[in-house]
Protein backbone atom coordinates (compact mmCIF):
# COMPACT_ATOMS: atom_id res chain seq x y z
CA MET A 1 -128.93 -66.86 33.52
CA ALA A 2 -133.50 -76.54 36.62
CA PHE A 3 -134.22 -75.97 39.82
CA SER A 4 -136.32 -77.23 42.41
CA LEU A 5 -139.42 -75.38 43.84
CA THR A 6 -137.60 -75.18 47.45
CA GLY A 7 -134.22 -74.79 46.72
CA PRO A 8 -132.15 -71.72 45.91
CA VAL A 9 -131.57 -70.96 42.05
CA ARG A 10 -128.56 -72.32 40.53
CA ALA A 11 -125.85 -69.93 38.68
CA ASP A 12 -126.88 -71.71 34.97
CA ALA A 13 -130.70 -71.11 35.23
CA PRO A 14 -132.39 -70.55 32.26
CA LEU A 15 -134.15 -67.30 33.41
CA ALA A 16 -134.10 -64.10 31.41
CA VAL A 17 -134.81 -60.94 32.95
CA GLU A 18 -136.30 -58.07 31.18
CA ALA A 19 -136.54 -54.43 32.66
CA ARG A 20 -138.64 -50.96 31.15
CA LEU A 21 -137.78 -47.44 33.18
CA HIS A 22 -141.68 -45.81 33.41
CA THR A 23 -141.23 -42.29 33.53
CA PRO A 24 -145.04 -41.31 34.66
CA PRO A 25 -145.32 -37.18 33.77
CA ASP A 26 -145.85 -35.64 36.60
CA SER A 27 -142.49 -35.16 37.63
CA HIS A 28 -143.75 -35.70 41.44
CA GLU A 29 -144.71 -39.47 40.91
CA PRO A 30 -141.85 -41.66 41.56
CA GLN A 31 -140.54 -43.75 37.88
CA ARG A 32 -140.67 -47.77 37.96
CA ALA A 33 -138.40 -50.26 36.90
CA LEU A 34 -141.08 -52.59 35.33
CA VAL A 35 -139.11 -56.08 35.31
CA ALA A 36 -140.22 -59.39 33.79
CA VAL A 37 -138.15 -62.56 34.30
CA SER A 38 -139.18 -65.29 32.42
CA ASN A 39 -138.10 -69.20 33.27
CA ALA A 40 -137.24 -71.21 29.98
CA GLY A 41 -136.21 -74.59 31.79
CA PRO A 42 -137.78 -77.40 32.68
CA ASP A 43 -138.08 -76.58 36.33
CA ALA A 44 -139.59 -74.08 38.95
CA VAL A 45 -137.85 -71.13 40.35
CA ALA A 46 -138.28 -70.98 43.70
CA ARG A 47 -137.19 -67.73 44.50
CA LEU A 48 -134.83 -64.61 43.22
CA THR A 49 -133.50 -61.70 44.00
CA LEU A 50 -133.58 -58.62 41.13
CA ALA A 51 -131.07 -55.52 41.76
CA CYS A 52 -131.56 -52.48 39.49
CA THR A 53 -129.75 -49.45 38.99
CA PHE A 54 -131.62 -46.61 37.91
CA LEU A 55 -128.73 -44.44 35.55
CA GLY A 56 -128.57 -40.78 35.18
CA GLY A 57 -128.18 -38.94 31.46
CA ASP A 58 -124.06 -39.29 32.12
CA ASP A 59 -124.72 -42.72 33.06
CA ALA A 60 -123.90 -42.42 36.83
CA THR A 61 -125.76 -44.03 39.22
CA LEU A 62 -128.14 -42.75 41.20
CA GLU A 63 -129.75 -44.88 42.93
CA ARG A 64 -129.84 -49.46 43.30
CA GLY A 65 -133.05 -51.31 44.52
CA THR A 66 -134.24 -54.79 45.05
CA ALA A 67 -136.87 -57.08 44.35
CA THR A 68 -137.78 -60.59 45.26
CA ILE A 69 -140.01 -62.96 43.23
CA GLY A 70 -140.85 -66.33 43.05
CA PRO A 71 -141.72 -68.66 42.47
CA VAL A 72 -141.59 -68.64 38.60
CA ALA A 73 -143.08 -72.18 37.19
CA ALA A 74 -141.32 -73.66 34.13
CA GLY A 75 -142.56 -71.72 30.83
CA GLU A 76 -143.96 -68.66 32.65
CA THR A 77 -143.43 -65.08 33.28
CA ALA A 78 -143.19 -63.34 36.63
CA ARG A 79 -143.24 -59.47 36.79
CA ALA A 80 -141.80 -57.02 39.94
CA GLU A 81 -141.60 -53.11 40.14
CA VAL A 82 -138.69 -51.29 41.83
CA ILE A 83 -139.70 -48.03 42.59
CA TYR A 84 -137.48 -45.12 42.40
CA TYR A 85 -138.50 -42.08 44.50
CA GLY A 86 -135.24 -39.74 43.90
CA TRP A 87 -134.29 -37.07 41.59
CA PRO A 88 -132.65 -36.31 39.31
CA ARG A 89 -135.19 -38.42 37.34
CA ALA A 90 -133.27 -41.70 36.01
CA ARG A 91 -132.78 -41.58 31.91
CA ARG A 92 -132.97 -46.24 32.05
CA VAL A 93 -132.14 -48.96 34.37
CA ALA A 94 -130.47 -51.94 34.31
CA CYS A 95 -131.88 -54.92 36.04
CA ALA A 96 -129.92 -58.32 36.74
CA ARG A 97 -130.62 -60.99 38.89
CA THR A 98 -127.90 -61.07 42.12
CA GLY A 99 -126.73 -63.84 43.69
CA PRO A 100 -126.79 -67.70 43.75
């Protein structure tokens, strides 16, 4: 989870996806999935899509959102945000890349 800058992301691309949920103190502000994608491979990643699932206290899916990120140079980290405007507040978020 070796690319060309203009090609699609390969399924075996050495990418690490980390996400954390940012919850502002004001309950009227949206929550955000702050996502970092690190490319440990030798080649740049042209573009990829991330899917984030915001989960409630019982791990029920509250909402899913996506973000497109790229290019990500070899050895670099790119960042993205996915925003959740819904209610109830999410307790955690899980993000992963989608597609090839």
